[in-house]
C-alpha atoms as a PDB file:
ATOM      1  CA  MET A   1     113.675 116.946 106.280  1.00  0.00           C
ATOM      2  CA  ALA A   2     113.967 113.257 107.185  1.00  0.00           C
ATOM      3  CA  VAL A   3     115.297 110.577 109.508  1.00  0.00           C
ATOM      4  CA  LEU A   4     118.543 108.772 108.700  1.00  0.00           C
ATOM      5  CA  THR A   5     119.667 105.441 110.104  1.00  0.00           C
ATOM      6  CA  VAL A   6     123.390 104.788 109.981  1.00  0.00           C
ATOM      7  CA  SER A   7     124.469 101.160 110.171  1.00  0.00           C
ATOM      8  CA  ARG A   8     128.094 100.128 109.992  1.00  0.00           C
ATOM      9  CA  GLN A   9     130.680  97.490 110.375  1.00  0.00           C
ATOM     10  CA  PHE A  10     132.417  98.756 113.473  1.00  0.00           C
ATOM     11  CA  GLY A  11     135.369 100.968 112.607  1.00  0.00           C
ATOM     12  CA  ALA A  12     134.027 101.937 109.182  1.00  0.00           C
ATOM     13  CA  GLY A  13     133.404 105.473 110.443  1.00  0.00           C
ATOM     14  CA  GLY A  14     129.646 105.477 111.036  1.00  0.00           C
ATOM     15  CA  LYS A  15     129.765 107.667 114.138  1.00  0.00           C
ATOM     16  CA  THR A  16     132.080 110.150 112.400  1.00  0.00           C
ATOM     17  CA  LEU A  17     129.878 110.265 109.310  1.00  0.00           C
ATOM     18  CA  ALA A  18     126.738 110.778 111.418  1.00  0.00           C
ATOM     19  CA  GLU A  19     128.323 113.713 113.238  1.00  0.00           C
ATOM     20  CA  LYS A  20     129.462 115.380 110.007  1.00  0.00           C
ATOM     21  CA  VAL A  21     126.093 114.908 108.290  1.00  0.00           C
ATOM     22  CA  ALA A  22     124.336 116.245 111.392  1.00  0.00           C
ATOM     23  CA  GLU A  23     126.557 119.314 111.430  1.00  0.00           C
ATOM     24  CA  ARG A  24     125.959 120.031 107.745  1.00  0.00           C
ATOM     25  CA  LEU A  25     122.188 119.535 107.771  1.00  0.00           C
ATOM     26  CA  GLY A  26     121.453 120.759 111.283  1.00  0.00           C
ATOM     27  CA  TYR A  27     120.264 117.323 112.399  1.00  0.00           C
ATOM     28  CA  ALA A  28     120.320 115.867 115.886  1.00  0.00           C
ATOM     29  CA  ILE A  29     121.851 112.482 116.735  1.00  0.00           C
ATOM     30  CA  ALA A  30     120.016 109.815 118.747  1.00  0.00           C
ATOM     31  CA  THR A  31     122.269 109.113 121.724  1.00  0.00           C
ATOM     32  CA  GLU A  32     121.640 108.678 125.465  1.00  0.00           C
ATOM     33  CA  GLN A  33     117.950 109.528 125.248  1.00  0.00           C
ATOM     34  CA  ILE A  34     117.292 105.986 124.072  1.00  0.00           C
ATOM     35  CA  ILE A  35     118.950 104.445 127.122  1.00  0.00           C
ATOM     36  CA  GLU A  36     117.087 106.846 129.415  1.00  0.00           C
ATOM     37  CA  GLN A  37     113.775 105.868 127.886  1.00  0.00           C
ATOM     38  CA  LEU A  38     114.741 102.205 128.073  1.00  0.00           C
ATOM     39  CA  ALA A  39     115.432 102.739 131.752  1.00  0.00           C
ATOM     40  CA  GLU A  40     112.048 104.362 132.306  1.00  0.00           C
ATOM     41  CA  SER A  41     110.316 101.518 130.489  1.00  0.00           C
ATOM     42  CA  ALA A  42     112.230  98.935 132.516  1.00  0.00           C
ATOM     43  CA  LYS A  43     111.568 100.870 135.769  1.00  0.00           C
ATOM     44  CA  VAL A  44     115.223 101.138 136.723  1.00  0.00           C
ATOM     45  CA  SER A  45     117.567 104.107 136.912  1.00  0.00           C
ATOM     46  CA  PRO A  46     119.663 104.962 133.821  1.00  0.00           C
ATOM     47  CA  GLU A  47     122.965 104.492 135.613  1.00  0.00           C
ATOM     48  CA  ASN A  48     121.987 100.944 136.620  1.00  0.00           C
ATOM     49  CA  LEU A  49     120.607  99.900 133.240  1.00  0.00           C
ATOM     50  CA  PRO A  50     123.268  98.194 131.121  1.00  0.00           C
ATOM     51  CA  SER A  51     123.094  98.139 127.344  1.00  0.00           C
ATOM     52  CA  PHE A  52     122.979  94.806 125.521  1.00  0.00           C
ATOM     53  CA  GLU A  53     125.166  95.937 122.645  1.00  0.00           C
ATOM     54  CA  GLY A  54     127.483  98.173 124.573  1.00  0.00           C
ATOM     55  CA  GLU A  55     126.933 101.635 123.125  1.00  0.00           C
ATOM     56  CA  GLN A  56     125.161 104.155 125.359  1.00  0.00           C
ATOM     57  CA  ASP A  57     125.983 107.281 123.324  1.00  0.00           C
ATOM     58  CA  PHE A  58     122.309 107.662 122.401  1.00  0.00           C
ATOM     59  CA  LEU A  59     120.850 111.067 123.370  1.00  0.00           C
ATOM     60  CA  VAL A  60     119.063 113.041 120.650  1.00  0.00           C
ATOM     61  CA  ARG A  61     121.081 116.246 120.747  1.00  0.00           C
ATOM     62  CA  PRO A  62     123.223 118.431 118.497  1.00  0.00           C
ATOM     63  CA  ALA A  63     126.223 116.697 116.979  1.00  0.00           C
ATOM     64  CA  SER A  64     128.532 119.160 118.737  1.00  0.00           C
ATOM     65  CA  ASP A  65     127.482 117.622 122.069  1.00  0.00           C
ATOM     66  CA  ALA A  66     128.402 114.052 121.109  1.00  0.00           C
ATOM     67  CA  LEU A  67     130.560 111.946 123.391  1.00  0.00           C
ATOM     68  CA  SER A  68     134.260 112.595 123.239  1.00  0.00           C
ATOM     69  CA  PRO A  69     136.270 109.852 121.514  1.00  0.00           C
ATOM     70  CA  ARG A  70     137.926 108.875 124.793  1.00  0.00           C
ATOM     71  CA  ARG A  71     134.647 108.524 126.703  1.00  0.00           C
ATOM     72  CA  PHE A  72     133.225 106.533 123.807  1.00  0.00           C
ATOM     73  CA  LEU A  73     136.101 104.043 123.879  1.00  0.00           C
ATOM     74  CA  ASP A  74     136.285 103.912 127.672  1.00  0.00           C
ATOM     75  CA  HIS A  75     132.662 102.866 127.674  1.00  0.00           C
ATOM     76  CA  ILE A  76     133.293 100.067 125.181  1.00  0.00           C
ATOM     77  CA  LEU A  77     136.269  98.752 127.156  1.00  0.00           C
ATOM     78  CA  ASP A  78     134.685  99.057 130.621  1.00  0.00           C
ATOM     79  CA  PRO A  79     135.159  95.595 132.176  1.00  0.00           C
ATOM     80  CA  HIS A  80     132.502  96.205 134.868  1.00  0.00           C
ATOM     81  CA  ARG A  81     129.495  96.631 132.584  1.00  0.00           C
ATOM     82  CA  ASN A  82     126.634  94.187 132.901  1.00  0.00           C
ATOM     83  CA  PHE A  83     124.073  93.487 130.206  1.00  0.00           C
ATOM     84  CA  MET A  84     120.339  93.723 129.866  1.00  0.00           C
ATOM     85  CA  GLU A  85     118.584  90.525 128.830  1.00  0.00           C
ATOM     86  CA  GLY A  86     118.646  90.601 125.050  1.00  0.00           C
ATOM     87  CA  SER A  87     115.001  89.992 124.141  1.00  0.00           C
ATOM     88  CA  LEU A  88     113.863  92.703 126.582  1.00  0.00           C
ATOM     89  CA  TYR A  89     116.368  95.129 125.081  1.00  0.00           C
ATOM     90  CA  VAL A  90     115.114  94.512 121.546  1.00  0.00           C
ATOM     91  CA  LYS A  91     111.479  94.767 122.648  1.00  0.00           C
ATOM     92  CA  LEU A  92     112.164  98.149 124.216  1.00  0.00           C
ATOM     93  CA  LEU A  93     114.067  99.334 121.149  1.00  0.00           C
ATOM     94  CA  HIS A  94     111.004  98.542 119.025  1.00  0.00           C
ATOM     95  CA  GLU A  95     108.970 100.779 121.313  1.00  0.00           C
ATOM     96  CA  ILE A  96     111.415 103.657 121.580  1.00  0.00           C
ATOM     97  CA  ILE A  97     113.097 104.049 118.185  1.00  0.00           C
ATOM     98  CA  PRO A  98     109.810 104.867 116.369  1.00  0.00           C
ATOM     99  CA  LYS A  99     109.228 107.590 118.966  1.00  0.00           C
ATOM    100  CA  ILE A 100     112.686 108.986 118.292  1.00  0.00           C
ATOM    101  CA  ALA A 101     111.995 108.889 114.534  1.00  0.00           C
ATOM    102  CA  LYS A 102     108.915 111.077 114.987  1.00  0.00           C
ATOM    103  CA  LYS A 103     111.214 113.969 115.906  1.00  0.00           C
ATOM    104  CA  ASP A 104     112.341 114.244 112.246  1.00  0.00           C
ATOM    105  CA  ASN A 105     115.710 115.708 111.254  1.00  0.00           C
ATOM    106  CA  THR A 106     117.345 113.005 113.340  1.00  0.00           C
ATOM    107  CA  ILE A 107     120.122 110.478 112.786  1.00  0.00           C
ATOM    108  CA  ILE A 108     119.927 107.134 114.587  1.00  0.00           C
ATOM    109  CA  ILE A 109     123.173 105.176 114.776  1.00  0.00           C
ATOM    110  CA  GLY A 110     122.917 101.396 114.904  1.00  0.00           C
ATOM    111  CA  ARG A 111     120.651  99.508 117.314  1.00  0.00           C
ATOM    112  CA  GLY A 112     118.780  97.757 114.498  1.00  0.00           C
ATOM    113  CA  ALA A 113     116.982 100.948 113.503  1.00  0.00           C
ATOM    114  CA  GLN A 114     117.183  99.977 109.823  1.00  0.00           C
ATOM    115  CA  PHE A 115     114.907  97.010 110.595  1.00  0.00           C
ATOM    116  CA  ILE A 116     112.674  98.681 113.182  1.00  0.00           C
ATOM    117  CA  LEU A 117     111.967 101.557 110.765  1.00  0.00           C
ATOM    118  CA  LYS A 118     111.888  99.460 107.591  1.00  0.00           C
ATOM    119  CA  GLY A 119     109.344 100.930 105.185  1.00  0.00           C
ATOM    120  CA  ALA A 120     108.695 103.991 107.366  1.00  0.00           C
ATOM    121  CA  TYR A 121     107.906 107.194 105.497  1.00  0.00           C
ATOM    122  CA  ASN A 122     110.798 109.603 104.907  1.00  0.00           C
ATOM    123  CA  VAL A 123     113.383 107.372 106.614  1.00  0.00           C
ATOM    124  CA  HIS A 124     116.630 106.663 104.754  1.00  0.00           C
ATOM    125  CA  HIS A 125     119.017 103.839 105.568  1.00  0.00           C
ATOM    126  CA  VAL A 126     122.790 103.980 105.041  1.00  0.00           C
ATOM    127  CA  LEU A 127     125.360 101.230 105.582  1.00  0.00           C
ATOM    128  CA  LEU A 128     129.118 101.749 105.890  1.00  0.00           C
ATOM    129  CA  VAL A 129     131.412  98.795 105.194  1.00  0.00           C
ATOM    130  CA  ALA A 130     135.163  98.268 104.883  1.00  0.00           C
ATOM    131  CA  PRO A 131     137.701  95.428 105.158  1.00  0.00           C
ATOM    132  CA  GLU A 132     138.749  94.643 108.719  1.00  0.00           C
ATOM    133  CA  ASP A 133     142.309  95.940 108.272  1.00  0.00           C
ATOM    134  CA  PHE A 134     140.942  99.283 107.073  1.00  0.00           C
ATOM    135  CA  ARG A 135     138.593  99.500 110.051  1.00  0.00           C
ATOM    136  CA  VAL A 136     141.374  98.720 112.501  1.00  0.00           C
ATOM    137  CA  ARG A 137     143.541 101.415 110.921  1.00  0.00           C
ATOM    138  CA  PHE A 138     140.643 103.888 111.065  1.00  0.00           C
ATOM    139  CA  MET A 139     140.323 103.299 114.813  1.00  0.00           C
ATOM    140  CA  VAL A 140     144.079 103.775 115.265  1.00  0.00           C
ATOM    141  CA  ASP A 141     144.041 107.049 113.359  1.00  0.00           C
ATOM    142  CA  ALA A 142     140.734 108.446 114.625  1.00  0.00           C
ATOM    143  CA  TYR A 143     141.071 107.511 118.291  1.00  0.00           C
ATOM    144  CA  ASP A 144     144.840 107.382 118.827  1.00  0.00           C
ATOM    145  CA  LEU A 145     144.863 103.681 119.693  1.00  0.00           C
ATOM    146  CA  THR A 146     147.566 101.075 119.400  1.00  0.00           C
ATOM    147  CA  LEU A 147     147.038  98.352 116.823  1.00  0.00           C
ATOM    148  CA  PRO A 148     146.284  95.694 119.489  1.00  0.00           C
ATOM    149  CA  GLU A 149     143.750  98.015 121.158  1.00  0.00           C
ATOM    150  CA  ALA A 150     142.067  98.767 117.849  1.00  0.00           C
ATOM    151  CA  ARG A 151     141.887  95.101 116.845  1.00  0.00           C
ATOM    152  CA  LYS A 152     140.386  94.205 120.225  1.00  0.00           C
ATOM    153  CA  ILE A 153     137.722  96.902 119.987  1.00  0.00           C
ATOM    154  CA  VAL A 154     136.763  96.107 116.388  1.00  0.00           C
ATOM    155  CA  SER A 155     136.516  92.382 117.146  1.00  0.00           C
ATOM    156  CA  ARG A 156     134.503  92.901 120.324  1.00  0.00           C
ATOM    157  CA  GLN A 157     132.036  95.309 118.757  1.00  0.00           C
ATOM    158  CA  GLU A 158     131.497  93.137 115.692  1.00  0.00           C
ATOM    159  CA  LYS A 159     130.618  90.195 117.944  1.00  0.00           C
ATOM    160  CA  ARG A 160     128.116  92.367 119.817  1.00  0.00           C
ATOM    161  CA  ARG A 161     126.642  93.567 116.541  1.00  0.00           C
ATOM    162  CA  THR A 162     126.211  89.998 115.327  1.00  0.00           C
ATOM    163  CA  ALA A 163     124.570  89.016 118.614  1.00  0.00           C
ATOM    164  CA  LEU A 164     122.152  91.935 118.425  1.00  0.00           C
ATOM    165  CA  MET A 165     121.198  91.185 114.821  1.00  0.00           C
ATOM    166  CA  ARG A 166     120.422  87.602 115.805  1.00  0.00           C
ATOM    167  CA  LEU A 167     117.873  88.987 118.252  1.00  0.00           C
ATOM    168  CA  PHE A 168     116.297  90.776 115.287  1.00  0.00           C
ATOM    169  CA  HIS A 169     116.315  87.397 113.470  1.00  0.00           C
ATOM    170  CA  GLN A 170     118.674  88.859 110.879  1.00  0.00           C
ATOM    171  CA  THR A 171     121.637  87.019 109.395  1.00  0.00           C
ATOM    172  CA  ASP A 172     121.935  89.054 106.179  1.00  0.00           C
ATOM    173  CA  TYR A 173     122.085  92.463 107.834  1.00  0.00           C
ATOM    174  CA  ASP A 174     124.926  93.721 105.619  1.00  0.00           C
ATOM    175  CA  GLN A 175     123.169  92.884 102.350  1.00  0.00           C
ATOM    176  CA  PRO A 176     122.603  95.974 100.200  1.00  0.00           C
ATOM    177  CA  TRP A 177     118.863  95.497  99.682  1.00  0.00           C
ATOM    178  CA  HIS A 178     118.220  96.639 103.276  1.00  0.00           C
ATOM    179  CA  TYR A 179     119.654 100.104 102.554  1.00  0.00           C
ATOM    180  CA  ASP A 180     119.211 103.149 100.337  1.00  0.00           C
ATOM    181  CA  ILE A 181     122.963 103.408  99.901  1.00  0.00           C
ATOM    182  CA  VAL A 182     125.988 101.287 100.853  1.00  0.00           C
ATOM    183  CA  LEU A 183     129.355 103.038 101.170  1.00  0.00           C
ATOM    184  CA  ASN A 184     132.639 101.146 101.002  1.00  0.00           C
ATOM    185  CA  MET A 185     134.795 103.433 103.109  1.00  0.00           C
ATOM    186  CA  ALA A 186     137.992 101.851 101.815  1.00  0.00           C
ATOM    187  CA  LYS A 187     137.119 103.304  98.392  1.00  0.00           C
ATOM    188  CA  LEU A 188     136.252 106.914  99.257  1.00  0.00           C
ATOM    189  CA  ASP A 189     137.192 109.515 101.824  1.00  0.00           C
ATOM    190  CA  MET A 190     134.892 110.728 104.594  1.00  0.00           C
ATOM    191  CA  SER A 191     134.086 114.067 102.958  1.00  0.00           C
ATOM    192  CA  ARG A 192     132.872 112.309  99.809  1.00  0.00           C
ATOM    193  CA  ALA A 193     130.804 109.891 101.874  1.00  0.00           C
ATOM    194  CA  VAL A 194     129.171 112.830 103.661  1.00  0.00           C
ATOM    195  CA  ASP A 195     128.427 114.406 100.280  1.00  0.00           C
ATOM    196  CA  PHE A 196     126.717 111.210  99.077  1.00  0.00           C
ATOM    197  CA  VAL A 197     124.529 110.950 102.177  1.00  0.00           C
ATOM    198  CA  CYS A 198     123.571 114.628 102.218  1.00  0.00           C
ATOM    199  CA  THR A 199     122.720 114.460  98.510  1.00  0.00           C
ATOM    200  CA  LEU A 200     120.529 111.421  99.162  1.00  0.00           C
ATOM    201  CA  ILE A 201     118.583 113.230 101.869  1.00  0.00           C
ATOM    202  CA  GLU A 202     118.288 116.522 100.034  1.00  0.00           C
ATOM    203  CA  LYS A 203     117.236 114.864  96.783  1.00  0.00           C
ATOM    204  CA  LYS A 204     114.533 112.843  98.513  1.00  0.00           C
ATOM    205  CA  ALA A 205     113.317 115.979 100.293  1.00  0.00           C
ATOM    206  CA  GLY A 206     112.928 117.722  96.933  1.00  0.00           C
ATOM    207  CA  GLU A 207     110.844 114.983  95.328  1.00  0.00           C
END
């Protein structure tokens, strides 16, 4: 039917929402395939290619095959990761994300896809936001973390997100005009958020 980009303030539940929407609509999620294609473009092996913004759960595959919560968090907290030079990373994302979007029926989480695919036909952009305390609590509840662990992860990932958006020359990346719909996850539960997003996609498909 379409391509959906899911942007989020870290801990607002973007990964969870993407998985639930994918399950309902039969979509795939863009995960490690992006990093593998980045590796091919950079002529290095995937295991030696670090990610600038620290999320390598990219492969386009069924939502049921997504990374386990523990692997996802272990990756974020890995102290031995290195980082690709930022401008190269963004250049490669501009080459690869449009190729991913051609697959249709795909959800792309983060990585500036809302800007790379801005104005693209049949691509919908969703942003999830929430106050920091809510996002910390979400991480505690969803991933069985302590409060200090959750605060550390939310803070670290938000700094990486800000750094990545600077490479896209974006300082207003959470402003609503970049998106089809903005969901304040402190004001509605996940099932209602999934309903809103699925309705958006299905309504657009019927027009």
